Amino acid sequence: MWQKAREKALSAEDAASPLAEVPYSLRHAGVSLWIKAGVDPVEVTRRAGHSIAVLWKFYAKILRGQEHRANQLTYDALGVSEEAATPE
């Protein structure tokens, strides 16, 4: 049934690809989106029905490369600009 739905909803090219190959792919994409969007991890786990341990075990790799975003959130919370917080 899932494959028939994919063929109906997706272009022929996308249906032939691994895009949404199994229903879990959609769930994984949703959780990944929430994490990348900055949704609080506790809220992500609540929505997904995960524990924090499961969230970090399977999704921690998504968070790599987020240093700039983390710094900006910290600067915003402190009410300072990046320039003011960075020594010359």
N, C-alpha and C. Protein backbone atom coordinates (compact mmCIF):
# COMPACT_ATOMS: atom_id res chain seq x y z
N MET A 1 0.82 -1.18 0.00
CA MET A 1 0.00 0.00 0.00
C MET A 1 0.88 1.27 0.00
N TRP A 2 1.96 1.23 0.81
CA TRP A 2 2.83 2.41 0.88
C TRP A 2 3.46 2.70 -0.48
N GLN A 3 3.91 1.66 -1.17
CA GLN A 3 4.52 1.86 -2.49
C GLN A 3 3.51 2.44 -3.48
N LYS A 4 2.27 1.99 -3.42
CA LYS A 4 1.24 2.54 -4.30
C LYS A 4 0.99 4.01 -3.99
N ALA A 5 0.99 4.36 -2.71
CA ALA A 5 0.80 5.76 -2.32
C ALA A 5 1.96 6.61 -2.81
N ARG A 6 3.18 6.11 -2.69
CA ARG A 6 4.36 6.84 -3.17
C ARG A 6 4.26 7.10 -4.67
N GLU A 7 3.87 6.06 -5.41
CA GLU A 7 3.77 6.20 -6.87
C GLU A 7 2.71 7.22 -7.25
N LYS A 8 1.67 7.30 -6.47
CA LYS A 8 0.60 8.25 -6.75
C LYS A 8 0.99 9.68 -6.36
N ALA A 9 1.70 9.82 -5.25
CA ALA A 9 2.03 11.14 -4.71
C ALA A 9 3.30 11.75 -5.29
N LEU A 10 4.24 10.91 -5.71
CA LEU A 10 5.54 11.39 -6.16
C LEU A 10 5.66 11.34 -7.68
N SER A 11 6.59 12.13 -8.19
CA SER A 11 6.90 12.02 -9.62
C SER A 11 7.51 10.65 -9.87
N ALA A 12 7.55 10.23 -11.11
CA ALA A 12 8.13 8.92 -11.45
C ALA A 12 9.59 8.86 -10.99
N GLU A 13 10.31 9.95 -11.19
CA GLU A 13 11.72 9.99 -10.79
C GLU A 13 11.87 9.84 -9.28
N ASP A 14 11.07 10.59 -8.51
CA ASP A 14 11.14 10.50 -7.05
C ASP A 14 10.67 9.14 -6.55
N ALA A 15 9.65 8.58 -7.17
CA ALA A 15 9.15 7.27 -6.76
C ALA A 15 10.19 6.18 -6.99
N ALA A 16 11.06 6.37 -7.98
CA ALA A 16 12.12 5.41 -8.26
C ALA A 16 13.32 5.59 -7.32
N SER A 17 13.34 6.68 -6.58
CA SER A 17 14.44 6.97 -5.66
C SER A 17 14.10 6.44 -4.26
N PRO A 18 15.06 6.54 -3.33
CA PRO A 18 14.78 6.09 -1.96
C PRO A 18 13.96 7.11 -1.14
N LEU A 19 13.54 8.20 -1.76
CA LEU A 19 12.75 9.23 -1.06
C LEU A 19 11.50 8.61 -0.43
N ALA A 20 11.35 8.76 0.88
CA ALA A 20 10.20 8.23 1.61
C ALA A 20 9.96 6.76 1.27
N GLU A 21 11.05 6.02 1.22
CA GLU A 21 10.97 4.61 0.82
C GLU A 21 10.10 3.79 1.78
N VAL A 22 10.18 4.14 3.05
CA VAL A 22 9.34 3.47 4.06
C VAL A 22 8.69 4.56 4.91
N PRO A 23 7.55 4.27 5.55
CA PRO A 23 6.88 5.29 6.37
C PRO A 23 7.79 5.89 7.43
N TYR A 24 8.72 5.10 7.97
CA TYR A 24 9.63 5.62 8.99
C TYR A 24 10.46 6.79 8.47
N SER A 25 10.72 6.81 7.17
CA SER A 25 11.50 7.90 6.58
C SER A 25 10.84 9.25 6.87
N LEU A 26 9.52 9.29 6.81
CA LEU A 26 8.81 10.54 7.07
C LEU A 26 8.96 10.95 8.53
N ARG A 27 8.87 9.98 9.42
CA ARG A 27 9.03 10.27 10.85
C ARG A 27 10.43 10.79 11.12
N HIS A 28 11.43 10.11 10.56
CA HIS A 28 12.82 10.52 10.73
C HIS A 28 13.03 11.94 10.18
N ALA A 29 12.44 12.22 9.04
CA ALA A 29 12.56 13.56 8.45
C ALA A 29 11.92 14.60 9.35
N GLY A 30 10.77 14.28 9.93
CA GLY A 30 10.10 15.21 10.83
C GLY A 30 10.93 15.52 12.06
N VAL A 31 11.46 14.48 12.69
CA VAL A 31 12.29 14.67 13.88
C VAL A 31 13.54 15.47 13.52
N SER A 32 14.15 15.14 12.39
CA SER A 32 15.35 15.86 11.93
C SER A 32 15.03 17.33 11.70
N LEU A 33 13.89 17.61 11.10
CA LEU A 33 13.49 19.00 10.86
C LEU A 33 13.31 19.75 12.17
N TRP A 34 12.63 19.14 13.14
CA TRP A 34 12.44 19.82 14.42
C TRP A 34 13.78 20.15 15.08
N ILE A 35 14.71 19.21 15.03
CA ILE A 35 16.03 19.44 15.63
C ILE A 35 16.74 20.58 14.92
N LYS A 36 16.80 20.51 13.59
CA LYS A 36 17.49 21.55 12.81
C LYS A 36 16.83 22.92 12.97
N ALA A 37 15.51 22.93 13.18
CA ALA A 37 14.79 24.19 13.34
C ALA A 37 15.02 24.81 14.72
N GLY A 38 15.64 24.05 15.62
CA GLY A 38 15.92 24.59 16.94
C GLY A 38 14.86 24.30 17.98
N VAL A 39 13.95 23.37 17.68
CA VAL A 39 12.95 23.00 18.68
C VAL A 39 13.68 22.38 19.87
N ASP A 40 13.26 22.76 21.05
CA ASP A 40 13.89 22.25 22.28
C ASP A 40 13.90 20.71 22.24
N PRO A 41 15.04 20.10 22.55
CA PRO A 41 15.13 18.64 22.50
C PRO A 41 14.10 17.92 23.36
N VAL A 42 13.73 18.51 24.49
CA VAL A 42 12.71 17.89 25.34
C VAL A 42 11.37 17.84 24.60
N GLU A 43 11.06 18.91 23.87
CA GLU A 43 9.82 18.94 23.08
C GLU A 43 9.90 17.96 21.91
N VAL A 44 11.06 17.87 21.28
CA VAL A 44 11.22 16.91 20.19
C VAL A 44 10.98 15.49 20.70
N THR A 45 11.55 15.16 21.85
CA THR A 45 11.34 13.81 22.40
C THR A 45 9.89 13.57 22.76
N ARG A 46 9.22 14.58 23.27
CA ARG A 46 7.80 14.43 23.60
C ARG A 46 6.99 14.15 22.35
N ARG A 47 7.23 14.93 21.31
CA ARG A 47 6.49 14.76 20.06
C ARG A 47 6.77 13.41 19.40
N ALA A 48 8.03 12.99 19.46
CA ALA A 48 8.43 11.76 18.78
C ALA A 48 8.20 10.50 19.61
N GLY A 49 7.98 10.70 20.91
CA GLY A 49 7.82 9.53 21.78
C GLY A 49 9.14 8.86 22.08
N HIS A 50 10.22 9.64 22.01
CA HIS A 50 11.57 9.13 22.30
C HIS A 50 11.97 9.52 23.71
N SER A 51 13.04 8.90 24.17
CA SER A 51 13.75 9.39 25.34
C SER A 51 14.85 10.31 24.83
N ILE A 52 15.39 11.12 25.72
CA ILE A 52 16.53 11.98 25.34
C ILE A 52 17.69 11.11 24.87
N ALA A 53 17.92 9.98 25.53
CA ALA A 53 19.03 9.09 25.15
C ALA A 53 18.87 8.61 23.71
N VAL A 54 17.67 8.23 23.32
CA VAL A 54 17.42 7.77 21.95
C VAL A 54 17.62 8.93 20.98
N LEU A 55 17.11 10.09 21.35
CA LEU A 55 17.27 11.26 20.48
C LEU A 55 18.74 11.52 20.18
N TRP A 56 19.59 11.57 21.22
CA TRP A 56 21.01 11.86 21.00
C TRP A 56 21.70 10.72 20.28
N LYS A 57 21.31 9.48 20.58
CA LYS A 57 21.98 8.34 19.94
C LYS A 57 21.77 8.34 18.42
N PHE A 58 20.55 8.63 17.99
CA PHE A 58 20.24 8.50 16.57
C PHE A 58 20.26 9.81 15.79
N TYR A 59 20.19 10.94 16.48
CA TYR A 59 20.07 12.21 15.77
C TYR A 59 21.19 13.20 16.07
N ALA A 60 22.13 12.86 16.93
CA ALA A 60 23.20 13.79 17.30
C ALA A 60 24.00 14.26 16.09
N LYS A 61 24.16 13.42 15.10
CA LYS A 61 24.97 13.79 13.91
C LYS A 61 24.35 14.98 13.17
N ILE A 62 23.06 15.17 13.33
CA ILE A 62 22.38 16.29 12.67
C ILE A 62 22.85 17.62 13.25
N LEU A 63 23.25 17.59 14.50
CA LEU A 63 23.61 18.83 15.19
C LEU A 63 25.02 19.31 14.89
N ARG A 64 25.84 18.49 14.24
CA ARG A 64 27.20 18.91 13.91
C ARG A 64 27.16 20.13 13.00
N GLY A 65 28.12 21.00 13.19
CA GLY A 65 28.19 22.19 12.35
C GLY A 65 27.25 23.30 12.78
N GLN A 66 26.73 23.21 13.97
CA GLN A 66 25.76 24.21 14.45
C GLN A 66 26.41 25.21 15.42
N GLU A 67 27.74 25.29 15.42
CA GLU A 67 28.42 26.16 16.37
C GLU A 67 27.99 27.62 16.22
N HIS A 68 27.91 28.08 14.97
CA HIS A 68 27.55 29.48 14.74
C HIS A 68 26.15 29.76 15.28
N ARG A 69 25.22 28.85 15.02
CA ARG A 69 23.85 29.03 15.52
C ARG A 69 23.83 29.04 17.05
N ALA A 70 24.57 28.12 17.66
CA ALA A 70 24.63 28.06 19.13
C ALA A 70 25.22 29.35 19.69
N ASN A 71 26.28 29.84 19.05
CA ASN A 71 26.88 31.10 19.50
C ASN A 71 25.88 32.25 19.37
N GLN A 72 25.16 32.30 18.25
CA GLN A 72 24.21 33.39 18.04
C GLN A 72 23.09 33.35 19.08
N LEU A 73 22.61 32.17 19.40
CA LEU A 73 21.58 32.04 20.43
C LEU A 73 22.10 32.53 21.79
N THR A 74 23.35 32.22 22.07
CA THR A 74 23.97 32.68 23.32
C THR A 74 24.12 34.19 23.34
N TYR A 75 24.60 34.77 22.24
CA TYR A 75 24.73 36.22 22.16
C TYR A 75 23.37 36.90 22.32
N ASP A 76 22.36 36.34 21.66
CA ASP A 76 21.02 36.90 21.76
C ASP A 76 20.51 36.87 23.20
N ALA A 77 20.75 35.75 23.89
CA ALA A 77 20.31 35.62 25.29
C ALA A 77 21.03 36.61 26.19
N LEU A 78 22.28 36.91 25.86
CA LEU A 78 23.05 37.87 26.65
C LEU A 78 22.78 39.32 26.24
N GLY A 79 22.12 39.47 25.11
CA GLY A 79 21.82 40.81 24.64
C GLY A 79 23.05 41.54 24.08
N VAL A 80 23.99 40.77 23.51
CA VAL A 80 25.19 41.37 22.93
C VAL A 80 25.31 40.92 21.48
N SER A 81 26.08 41.67 20.72
CA SER A 81 26.34 41.28 19.34
C SER A 81 27.56 40.37 19.30
N GLU A 82 27.70 39.64 18.22
CA GLU A 82 28.85 38.77 18.05
C GLU A 82 30.14 39.59 18.08
N GLU A 83 30.09 40.75 17.44
CA GLU A 83 31.27 41.62 17.38
C GLU A 83 31.71 42.06 18.78
N ALA A 84 30.73 42.41 19.63
CA ALA A 84 31.04 42.86 20.98
C ALA A 84 31.57 41.71 21.84
N ALA A 85 31.14 40.50 21.55
CA ALA A 85 31.53 39.34 22.37
C ALA A 85 32.84 38.71 21.90
N THR A 86 33.28 39.04 20.69
CA THR A 86 34.48 38.43 20.13
C THR A 86 35.67 39.35 20.33
N PRO A 87 36.68 38.90 21.08
CA PRO A 87 37.88 39.73 21.27
C PRO A 87 38.65 39.90 19.97
N GLU A 88 39.27 41.04 19.82
CA GLU A 88 40.04 41.30 18.59
C GLU A 88 41.47 40.85 18.72
